[in-house]
Amino acid sequence: MKPAPPAPQPPIGAAPSPQSLPLHRLLGHTADAVALVLAGHSLNEALAACPAPARPGCQALSFHVLRCLGGAQAARAHLAARMPPPPVHSLLLSALALLWPREPQPYAPHTLVDQAVACAHVRAPASASFVNAVLRRFLRERDALVPRWEAADPVVRHQHPRWWIDQLQRDWPKQWQALLGAANQHAPMALRVNARQTDAAGYRAELAAIGIEAQVVSSHALVLHKPAPVQALPGFERGRVSVQDLSAQVAAPLLIGSGPDRLAPGARVLDACAAPGGKTAHLLELAELDLLALDVDATRLARVEQTLQRVGLRAALAVADAGEPSRWWDGQPFDAILLDAPCSASGIVRRHPDVRWLRRASDIKALAATQSRLLDALWGLLKPGGRLVYATCSVFRAEGSGQVAAFLQRTPGAIARPSPGHLLGVVDNPAQAGEVASVAGDGFFYARLDKSM
């Protein structure tokens, strides 16, 4: 499902920066976060439990650890056959992942080992010498061990669970390696310029004036050359610009349409699963709409309200399950519906590296059933001639093209309009496997479905 936004944090994808906290304390907080993820909690929840002063550094290190966790687990199993106590296990996994041969290396190896041992002295003093021995052995042998493990085990080679790798191979036989490679990269920081206030070229000039370089991607989208704090973005608090991935920016224009196909001013629109509100705000920036935004989670719906307040726009908000319209619908049909459905989040793993370790293969079937339920429930709320945009931040076909094909087969009067389909964010040439497009959005799926008159 769509992960909840974390607490305030450094720019997504930013490398660890010098912290006021000693490294051994940051390693302890990182080990705690990794332990929570292994226990089934999201990294967002883990970071919320981390003391505020340690949170930025903990997040940066946790991102790195989760991108190398498959290798770290193999190394721990090889170097310490007996499972160590939980506080030691999560510390070892964190240190081994941070020592994994991946660029950039956040710290010098000897510094990392010394600080991990210092952390062990605090967490489990009797295990400090054991931690020291395991990590130093890994450093001595990693040049020989890592290539051997990568050749033998796709989980180590691609740093994803085996079922995930197998699913991508089935769904995308030409692009699966590129998709896995992209998922382990830092995501670019993309901006959506408020169309009511300026355009991308004008905002790029404002950024250049304060030394922030950006590339214009479309009339209202830019990508920063380097991530920057939102507080540094001109007019951010006044709603001039928002942080939103390029693929996520496709939803609003697709629903609104253009030319003769454009929604009329005042059109009645439903944003069915609205939190955290980026797409809701984008819809209102582009058109005058009578918009109702729903979300089943009151806390997450509050984020929608905060987003709309920042951009200076308004919508009706309701806490409700979009799949149970009898509890909230007033009987007036909608001209257009955006269903950004709960999904595996497999397309946004570079921004949420914990997702791959939290999901199970059985989740995909369960999520697809939820998506089907929402599609069927909302279709009846659409007026004849209306449109529904179905979206997921997933690269799995069961949540995208497969879901829509099944809906069209069981739904008379549903017409598939030209749509982006699966946005993978990687090159299609199998000879360039692993290469990521220079300005690539996250993995998404979009389909526009029109209701016959």
Protein backbone atom coordinates (compact mmCIF):
# COMPACT_ATOMS: atom_id res chain seq x y z
CA MET A 1 0.00 0.00 0.00
CA LYS A 2 1.00 3.62 -0.25
CA PRO A 3 3.54 4.09 2.54
CA ALA A 4 2.82 6.87 5.00
CA PRO A 5 5.23 9.81 4.69
CA PRO A 6 7.94 9.74 7.33
CA ALA A 7 8.60 12.44 9.86
CA PRO A 8 10.70 15.45 8.71
CA GLN A 9 13.89 14.15 7.19
CA PRO A 10 16.80 15.06 4.91
CA PRO A 11 16.25 14.97 1.15
CA ILE A 12 15.38 11.50 -0.09
CA GLY A 13 18.46 9.74 -1.36
CA ALA A 14 20.90 12.06 0.38
CA ALA A 15 24.11 10.40 1.50
CA PRO A 16 24.96 10.34 5.20
CA SER A 17 26.39 13.65 6.36
CA PRO A 18 28.51 14.46 9.39
CA GLN A 19 26.39 14.32 12.51
CA SER A 20 26.81 15.77 15.96
CA LEU A 21 26.01 12.36 17.42
CA PRO A 22 28.88 9.85 17.65
CA LEU A 23 28.76 7.15 14.99
CA HIS A 24 28.41 4.34 17.53
CA ARG A 25 25.16 5.90 18.78
CA LEU A 26 23.86 6.32 15.23
CA LEU A 27 24.68 2.66 14.58
CA GLY A 28 22.64 1.71 17.63
CA HIS A 29 19.63 3.65 16.38
CA THR A 30 20.09 2.17 12.91
CA ALA A 31 20.24 -1.34 14.35
CA ASP A 32 17.00 -0.65 16.24
CA ALA A 33 15.34 0.57 13.01
CA VAL A 34 16.51 -2.49 11.08
CA ALA A 35 15.23 -4.76 13.86
CA LEU A 36 11.79 -3.15 13.61
CA VAL A 37 11.72 -3.63 9.82
CA LEU A 38 12.68 -7.28 10.23
CA ALA A 39 9.80 -7.58 12.72
CA GLY A 40 7.36 -6.30 10.09
CA HIS A 41 7.21 -2.57 10.86
CA SER A 42 7.74 0.09 8.22
CA LEU A 43 10.88 2.18 8.23
CA ASN A 44 8.63 5.22 8.70
CA GLU A 45 7.43 3.75 11.99
CA ALA A 46 10.98 2.91 13.00
CA LEU A 47 12.20 6.44 12.29
CA ALA A 48 9.29 7.92 14.25
CA ALA A 49 10.51 5.91 17.25
CA CYS A 50 14.06 7.26 16.84
CA PRO A 51 15.06 10.32 18.93
CA ALA A 52 14.73 13.45 16.82
CA PRO A 53 18.42 14.46 16.94
CA ALA A 54 19.43 11.05 15.58
CA ARG A 55 16.68 10.73 12.97
CA PRO A 56 18.41 12.25 9.89
CA GLY A 57 21.56 10.19 10.37
CA CYS A 58 19.59 7.06 11.24
CA GLN A 59 17.52 7.42 8.09
CA ALA A 60 20.53 7.85 5.85
CA LEU A 61 22.26 4.79 7.31
CA SER A 62 19.06 2.72 7.31
CA PHE A 63 18.51 3.43 3.61
CA HIS A 64 22.01 2.14 2.88
CA VAL A 65 21.55 -0.94 5.09
CA LEU A 66 18.21 -1.91 3.54
CA ARG A 67 19.67 -1.62 0.04
CA CYS A 68 22.34 -4.17 1.00
CA LEU A 69 20.37 -6.32 3.43
CA GLY A 70 20.29 -9.42 1.21
CA GLY A 71 24.08 -9.52 1.15
CA ALA A 72 24.37 -8.71 4.85
CA GLN A 73 22.08 -11.61 5.76
CA ALA A 74 24.18 -14.01 3.68
CA ALA A 75 27.37 -12.72 5.28
CA ARG A 76 25.97 -13.05 8.80
CA ALA A 77 24.83 -16.63 8.12
CA HIS A 78 28.25 -17.56 6.74
CA LEU A 79 30.37 -15.83 9.37
CA ALA A 80 28.21 -16.58 12.41
CA ALA A 81 26.40 -19.86 11.96
CA ARG A 82 24.59 -19.55 15.28
CA MET A 83 21.98 -16.77 15.42
CA PRO A 84 23.26 -14.11 17.87
CA PRO A 85 20.91 -12.36 20.33
CA PRO A 86 18.52 -9.88 18.64
CA PRO A 87 20.40 -6.67 19.62
CA VAL A 88 23.62 -8.16 18.29
CA HIS A 89 21.97 -9.61 15.19
CA SER A 90 20.56 -6.27 14.00
CA LEU A 91 23.84 -4.49 14.78
CA LEU A 92 25.81 -7.10 12.81
CA LEU A 93 23.45 -6.86 9.85
CA SER A 94 23.74 -3.07 9.86
CA ALA A 95 27.52 -3.07 10.05
CA LEU A 96 27.90 -5.79 7.40
CA ALA A 97 25.59 -3.91 5.04
CA LEU A 98 27.53 -0.69 5.57
CA LEU A 99 30.76 -2.61 4.84
CA TRP A 100 29.29 -4.20 1.70
CA PRO A 101 31.33 -3.25 -1.41
CA ARG A 102 28.89 -0.66 -2.77
CA GLU A 103 29.55 2.94 -3.74
CA PRO A 104 29.48 5.31 -2.08
CA GLN A 105 30.92 3.82 1.09
CA PRO A 106 29.54 5.93 3.94
CA TYR A 107 32.52 5.44 6.26
CA ALA A 108 36.06 4.08 6.16
CA PRO A 109 35.97 0.34 7.00
CA HIS A 110 38.22 0.56 10.07
CA THR A 111 36.12 3.41 11.46
CA LEU A 112 32.93 1.45 10.92
CA VAL A 113 34.30 -1.65 12.68
CA ASP A 114 35.64 0.33 15.65
CA GLN A 115 32.34 2.16 16.10
CA ALA A 116 30.28 -1.02 15.71
CA VAL A 117 32.34 -2.62 18.48
CA ALA A 118 31.82 0.49 20.63
CA CYS A 119 28.10 0.16 20.01
CA ALA A 120 28.22 -3.53 20.99
CA HIS A 121 29.87 -2.60 24.29
CA VAL A 122 26.73 -0.56 25.05
CA ARG A 123 24.09 -2.94 23.62
CA ALA A 124 25.56 -6.32 24.62
CA PRO A 125 29.00 -6.01 26.30
CA ALA A 126 29.60 -9.76 26.35
CA SER A 127 29.28 -9.87 22.54
CA ALA A 128 31.67 -7.03 21.69
CA SER A 129 34.62 -9.31 20.94
CA PHE A 130 32.37 -11.53 18.82
CA VAL A 131 31.19 -8.52 16.78
CA ASN A 132 34.79 -7.40 16.34
CA ALA A 133 35.88 -10.85 15.12
CA VAL A 134 32.99 -11.24 12.63
CA LEU A 135 33.45 -7.80 11.08
CA ARG A 136 37.23 -8.04 10.81
CA ARG A 137 36.96 -11.48 9.22
CA PHE A 138 34.46 -10.09 6.70
CA LEU A 139 36.87 -7.31 5.77
CA ARG A 140 39.72 -9.79 5.31
CA GLU A 141 37.68 -12.16 3.14
CA ARG A 142 35.05 -10.01 1.41
CA ASP A 143 36.93 -9.65 -1.89
CA ALA A 144 36.75 -13.41 -2.27
CA LEU A 145 33.41 -14.07 -0.58
CA VAL A 146 31.16 -11.43 -2.12
CA PRO A 147 31.68 -12.45 -5.79
CA ARG A 148 31.10 -16.07 -4.84
CA TRP A 149 27.85 -15.29 -3.00
CA GLU A 150 26.62 -13.03 -5.80
CA ALA A 151 27.24 -15.73 -8.39
CA ALA A 152 25.39 -18.35 -6.37
CA ASP A 153 22.47 -16.39 -4.92
CA PRO A 154 20.24 -13.89 -6.78
CA VAL A 155 19.09 -12.44 -3.45
CA VAL A 156 22.66 -11.36 -2.75
CA ARG A 157 23.27 -10.28 -6.33
CA HIS A 158 20.14 -8.11 -6.57
CA GLN A 159 19.48 -7.31 -2.89
CA HIS A 160 15.78 -8.28 -3.14
CA PRO A 161 13.78 -11.29 -1.91
CA ARG A 162 13.74 -14.26 -4.26
CA TRP A 163 9.97 -14.15 -4.89
CA TRP A 164 10.25 -10.48 -5.92
CA ILE A 165 13.04 -11.25 -8.37
CA ASP A 166 11.07 -14.18 -9.82
CA GLN A 167 7.95 -12.03 -10.23
CA LEU A 168 9.84 -9.32 -12.11
CA GLN A 169 11.40 -11.94 -14.37
CA ARG A 170 7.94 -13.22 -15.27
CA ASP A 171 6.40 -9.78 -15.72
CA TRP A 172 9.33 -8.06 -17.46
CA PRO A 173 11.66 -10.64 -19.06
CA LYS A 174 13.66 -7.91 -20.84
CA GLN A 175 13.73 -5.24 -18.13
CA TRP A 176 13.81 -7.14 -14.83
CA GLN A 177 17.51 -6.60 -14.19
CA ALA A 178 17.23 -2.90 -14.96
CA LEU A 179 14.28 -2.64 -12.58
CA LEU A 180 16.21 -4.28 -9.77
CA GLY A 181 19.20 -2.06 -10.44
CA ALA A 182 17.06 1.08 -10.43
CA ALA A 183 15.47 0.08 -7.12
CA ASN A 184 18.89 0.23 -5.45
CA GLN A 185 19.71 3.74 -6.68
CA HIS A 186 19.11 7.07 -4.98
CA ALA A 187 15.92 8.67 -6.28
CA PRO A 188 16.18 12.14 -7.84
CA MET A 189 14.34 15.02 -6.16
CA ALA A 190 11.60 16.15 -8.53
CA LEU A 191 9.48 19.27 -8.13
CA ARG A 192 6.01 20.19 -9.33
CA VAL A 193 5.58 23.91 -9.90
CA ASN A 194 2.17 25.35 -9.01
CA ALA A 195 0.60 26.17 -12.39
CA ARG A 196 -1.48 28.92 -10.75
CA GLN A 197 1.66 30.82 -9.77
CA THR A 198 4.50 30.21 -12.24
CA ASP A 199 6.04 27.68 -14.63
CA ALA A 200 9.10 25.44 -14.59
CA ALA A 201 11.33 27.80 -16.58
CA GLY A 202 10.50 30.72 -14.31
CA TYR A 203 11.03 28.69 -11.17
CA ARG A 204 14.31 27.31 -12.47
CA ALA A 205 15.54 30.91 -12.74
CA GLU A 206 14.54 31.48 -9.10
CA LEU A 207 16.50 28.40 -8.08
CA ALA A 208 19.53 29.45 -10.11
CA ALA A 209 19.53 32.81 -8.34
CA ILE A 210 20.20 31.04 -5.03
CA GLY A 211 22.67 28.52 -6.44
CA ILE A 212 20.38 25.49 -6.85
CA GLU A 213 20.72 23.79 -10.23
CA ALA A 214 17.75 22.07 -11.84
CA GLN A 215 16.67 20.54 -15.13
CA VAL A 216 13.33 21.48 -16.67
CA VAL A 217 11.44 18.30 -17.62
CA SER A 218 8.07 19.75 -18.64
CA SER A 219 6.15 23.00 -18.37
CA HIS A 220 5.61 22.47 -14.65
CA ALA A 221 8.18 19.84 -13.62
CA LEU A 222 11.87 20.04 -12.71
CA VAL A 223 14.48 17.71 -11.29
CA LEU A 224 17.16 19.08 -8.97
CA HIS A 225 20.75 18.18 -9.74
CA LYS A 226 21.23 17.60 -5.99
CA PRO A 227 18.58 17.13 -3.29
CA ALA A 228 17.85 20.23 -1.22
CA PRO A 229 15.87 20.86 1.97
CA VAL A 230 12.35 22.05 1.18
CA GLN A 231 13.00 25.09 3.37
CA ALA A 232 15.56 26.21 0.79
CA LEU A 233 13.03 26.14 -2.09
CA PRO A 234 11.71 29.63 -2.91
CA GLY A 235 8.08 29.99 -1.96
CA PHE A 236 7.66 26.41 -0.75
CA GLU A 237 5.66 27.45 2.31
CA ARG A 238 3.44 29.60 0.08
CA GLY A 239 2.69 26.69 -2.24
CA ARG A 240 4.73 27.80 -5.25
CA VAL A 241 6.29 24.37 -5.54
CA SER A 242 5.84 20.84 -4.20
CA VAL A 243 8.06 17.78 -4.06
CA GLN A 244 6.50 15.09 -6.26
CA ASP A 245 7.98 12.32 -8.37
CA LEU A 246 7.71 12.74 -12.14
CA SER A 247 5.57 9.64 -12.57
CA ALA A 248 3.20 10.76 -9.84
CA GLN A 249 2.73 14.03 -11.74
CA VAL A 250 1.05 12.12 -14.59
CA ALA A 251 -2.19 11.48 -12.67
CA ALA A 252 -3.76 14.93 -12.59
CA PRO A 253 -3.28 15.88 -16.28
CA LEU A 254 -4.49 12.42 -17.34
CA LEU A 255 -7.72 12.82 -15.36
CA ILE A 256 -8.38 16.43 -16.37
CA GLY A 257 -7.67 15.91 -20.09
CA SER A 258 -6.94 18.59 -22.65
CA GLY A 259 -8.64 20.44 -25.50
CA PRO A 260 -12.23 19.31 -26.18
CA ASP A 261 -11.67 16.39 -23.81
CA ARG A 262 -10.87 18.66 -20.82
CA LEU A 263 -13.12 18.54 -17.78
CA ALA A 264 -15.46 21.51 -17.58
CA PRO A 265 -14.96 24.10 -14.80
CA GLY A 266 -16.78 22.99 -11.68
CA ALA A 267 -16.69 19.31 -12.64
CA ARG A 268 -17.52 16.99 -9.75
CA VAL A 269 -14.39 14.94 -9.02
CA LEU A 270 -13.55 12.23 -6.48
CA ASP A 271 -10.01 11.57 -5.29
CA ALA A 272 -10.75 8.19 -3.78
CA CYS A 273 -7.54 7.36 -1.86
CA ALA A 274 -6.15 10.85 -1.51
CA ALA A 275 -3.44 10.78 1.17
CA PRO A 276 -0.89 12.27 1.39
CA GLY A 277 -2.45 14.81 -0.99
CA GLY A 278 0.09 15.52 -3.71
CA LYS A 279 -2.23 14.44 -6.51
CA THR A 280 -5.19 16.21 -4.85
CA ALA A 281 -3.30 19.50 -4.85
CA HIS A 282 -2.11 18.97 -8.42
CA LEU A 283 -5.70 18.48 -9.64
CA LEU A 284 -6.75 21.77 -8.06
CA GLU A 285 -3.69 23.62 -9.35
CA LEU A 286 -4.67 22.65 -12.90
CA ALA A 287 -8.44 23.17 -12.89
CA GLU A 288 -11.45 24.59 -11.04
CA LEU A 289 -13.07 21.49 -9.61
CA ASP A 290 -15.72 20.48 -7.10
CA LEU A 291 -13.44 17.93 -5.49
CA LEU A 292 -14.06 15.40 -2.72
CA ALA A 293 -10.94 13.78 -1.24
CA LEU A 294 -11.34 10.55 0.71
CA ASP A 295 -8.99 8.47 2.78
CA VAL A 296 -9.72 5.63 5.17
CA ASP A 297 -7.07 6.89 7.64
CA ALA A 298 -7.86 10.09 9.56
CA THR A 299 -4.20 10.76 10.36
CA ARG A 300 -3.23 10.49 6.72
CA LEU A 301 -6.20 12.62 5.63
CA ALA A 302 -4.87 15.35 7.90
CA ARG A 303 -1.79 15.40 5.67
CA VAL A 304 -4.07 16.13 2.70
CA GLU A 305 -5.54 19.10 4.56
CA GLN A 306 -2.06 20.39 5.44
CA THR A 307 -0.97 20.08 1.81
CA LEU A 308 -4.02 21.97 0.55
CA GLN A 309 -3.53 24.71 3.14
CA ARG A 310 0.07 25.16 2.02
CA VAL A 311 -0.88 25.56 -1.65
CA GLY A 312 -3.87 27.74 -0.78
CA LEU A 313 -6.56 25.49 -2.31
CA ARG A 314 -9.68 23.82 -0.97
CA ALA A 315 -11.53 20.52 -1.29
CA ALA A 316 -14.13 18.65 0.69
CA LEU A 317 -12.45 16.00 2.87
CA ALA A 318 -13.95 12.85 4.37
CA VAL A 319 -12.60 9.89 6.32
CA ALA A 320 -14.15 6.92 4.55
CA ASP A 321 -13.49 3.62 2.82
CA ALA A 322 -13.90 4.36 -0.89
CA GLY A 323 -14.99 0.76 -1.39
CA GLU A 324 -18.10 1.28 0.79
CA PRO A 325 -19.92 4.18 -0.91
CA SER A 326 -23.17 3.47 0.96
CA ARG A 327 -21.48 4.94 4.03
CA TRP A 328 -20.44 8.26 2.50
CA TRP A 329 -21.79 8.88 -1.04
CA ASP A 330 -24.60 11.44 -1.40
CA GLY A 331 -25.99 9.84 -4.55
CA GLN A 332 -24.73 12.55 -6.91
CA PRO A 333 -22.60 10.96 -9.67
CA PHE A 334 -19.07 12.13 -10.41
CA ASP A 335 -17.73 13.45 -13.70
CA ALA A 336 -14.30 11.97 -12.94
CA ILE A 337 -12.71 9.71 -10.35
CA LEU A 338 -9.05 9.23 -9.48
CA LEU A 339 -8.38 5.86 -7.87
CA ASP A 340 -4.77 5.82 -6.68
CA ALA A 341 -5.26 2.37 -5.27
CA PRO A 342 -3.50 0.65 -2.36
CA CYS A 343 -0.75 -1.51 -3.83
CA SER A 344 2.56 -3.24 -3.17
CA ALA A 345 4.51 0.01 -3.66
CA SER A 346 6.94 -2.05 -5.76
CA GLY A 347 7.53 0.94 -8.03
CA ILE A 348 8.81 3.26 -5.29
CA VAL A 349 11.35 0.97 -3.63
CA ARG A 350 14.22 3.37 -4.22
CA ARG A 351 12.37 5.85 -1.97
CA HIS A 352 11.15 3.17 0.47
CA PRO A 353 13.85 0.47 0.54
CA ASP A 354 12.10 -1.36 3.38
CA VAL A 355 9.14 -2.29 1.15
CA ARG A 356 10.93 -5.19 -0.54
CA TRP A 357 11.64 -6.82 2.84
CA LEU A 358 8.13 -6.18 4.23
CA ARG A 359 6.10 -7.55 1.33
CA ARG A 360 5.31 -11.24 0.82
CA ALA A 361 4.32 -12.96 -2.42
CA SER A 362 0.84 -13.59 -0.98
CA ASP A 363 0.35 -9.83 -0.51
CA ILE A 364 0.05 -9.28 -4.26
CA LYS A 365 -3.03 -11.46 -4.58
CA ALA A 366 -4.63 -9.80 -1.55
CA LEU A 367 -3.87 -6.31 -2.82
CA ALA A 368 -5.20 -7.16 -6.29
CA ALA A 369 -8.47 -8.25 -4.65
CA THR A 370 -8.69 -4.90 -2.84
CA GLN A 371 -8.04 -3.06 -6.09
CA SER A 372 -10.79 -5.03 -7.84
CA ARG A 373 -13.22 -4.25 -5.02
CA LEU A 374 -12.47 -0.53 -5.25
CA LEU A 375 -12.79 -0.45 -9.04
CA ASP A 376 -16.16 -2.19 -8.98
CA ALA A 377 -17.50 -0.06 -6.13
CA LEU A 378 -16.46 3.27 -7.64
CA TRP A 379 -17.53 2.51 -11.21
CA GLY A 380 -21.16 2.79 -10.19
CA LEU A 381 -20.57 6.33 -8.87
CA LEU A 382 -19.43 7.60 -12.28
CA LYS A 383 -21.96 9.32 -14.53
CA PRO A 384 -22.39 8.10 -18.14
CA GLY A 385 -19.65 9.70 -20.23
CA GLY A 386 -17.49 10.10 -17.14
CA ARG A 387 -13.92 8.92 -16.68
CA LEU A 388 -11.96 7.00 -14.06
CA VAL A 389 -8.16 6.99 -13.83
CA TYR A 390 -6.79 3.89 -12.14
CA ALA A 391 -3.26 4.29 -10.78
CA THR A 392 -0.83 2.24 -8.69
CA CYS A 393 2.79 2.84 -7.73
CA SER A 394 3.58 -0.75 -8.71
CA VAL A 395 5.55 -2.45 -11.46
CA PHE A 396 3.81 -5.80 -11.01
CA ARG A 397 1.41 -6.59 -13.85
CA ALA A 398 -1.17 -8.10 -11.49
CA GLU A 399 -1.67 -4.60 -10.06
CA GLY A 400 -1.60 -2.87 -13.42
CA SER A 401 -2.34 -4.21 -16.89
CA GLY A 402 -3.66 -7.50 -15.52
CA GLN A 403 -6.03 -5.72 -13.16
CA VAL A 404 -7.42 -3.48 -15.89
CA ALA A 405 -7.80 -6.32 -18.40
CA ALA A 406 -9.89 -8.25 -15.87
CA PHE A 407 -12.01 -5.17 -15.10
CA LEU A 408 -12.73 -4.53 -18.78
CA GLN A 409 -13.72 -8.15 -19.27
CA ARG A 410 -16.31 -8.09 -16.48
CA THR A 411 -17.58 -4.51 -16.96
CA PRO A 412 -19.87 -3.73 -19.93
CA GLY A 413 -19.66 -0.11 -21.02
CA ALA A 414 -16.09 0.42 -19.80
CA ILE A 415 -13.85 1.81 -22.53
CA ALA A 416 -10.05 1.88 -22.25
CA ARG A 417 -8.66 5.18 -23.51
CA PRO A 418 -5.04 5.76 -24.57
CA SER A 419 -3.05 5.82 -21.35
CA PRO A 420 0.58 5.60 -20.21
CA GLY A 421 0.19 2.03 -18.94
CA HIS A 422 3.24 0.79 -17.04
CA LEU A 423 5.88 3.43 -16.38
CA LEU A 424 9.04 1.58 -15.45
CA GLY A 425 11.59 4.38 -15.26
CA VAL A 426 14.29 2.26 -16.93
CA VAL A 427 15.58 1.73 -20.45
CA ASP A 428 13.92 -0.99 -22.51
CA ASN A 429 17.01 -2.24 -24.30
CA PRO A 430 18.05 -5.54 -22.64
CA ALA A 431 21.62 -4.95 -23.83
CA GLN A 432 21.69 -2.01 -21.40
CA ALA A 433 20.34 -3.93 -18.43
CA GLY A 434 20.87 -2.01 -15.22
CA GLU A 435 21.00 1.38 -16.90
CA VAL A 436 18.55 3.93 -15.53
CA ALA A 437 17.09 6.73 -17.61
CA SER A 438 18.81 10.05 -16.88
CA VAL A 439 15.58 11.59 -15.60
CA ALA A 440 13.44 8.64 -14.60
CA GLY A 441 10.27 8.68 -12.58
CA ASP A 442 9.20 5.98 -10.18
CA GLY A 443 7.46 2.82 -11.32
CA PHE A 444 3.74 3.50 -11.83
CA PHE A 445 0.76 2.22 -13.75
CA TYR A 446 -1.98 4.39 -15.27
CA ALA A 447 -5.15 3.53 -17.14
CA ARG A 448 -8.00 5.86 -18.08
CA LEU A 449 -11.37 4.13 -18.28
CA ASP A 450 -14.37 5.95 -19.77
CA LYS A 451 -18.01 5.05 -19.12
CA SER A 452 -20.13 4.79 -22.24
CA MET A 453 -23.16 7.10 -22.57
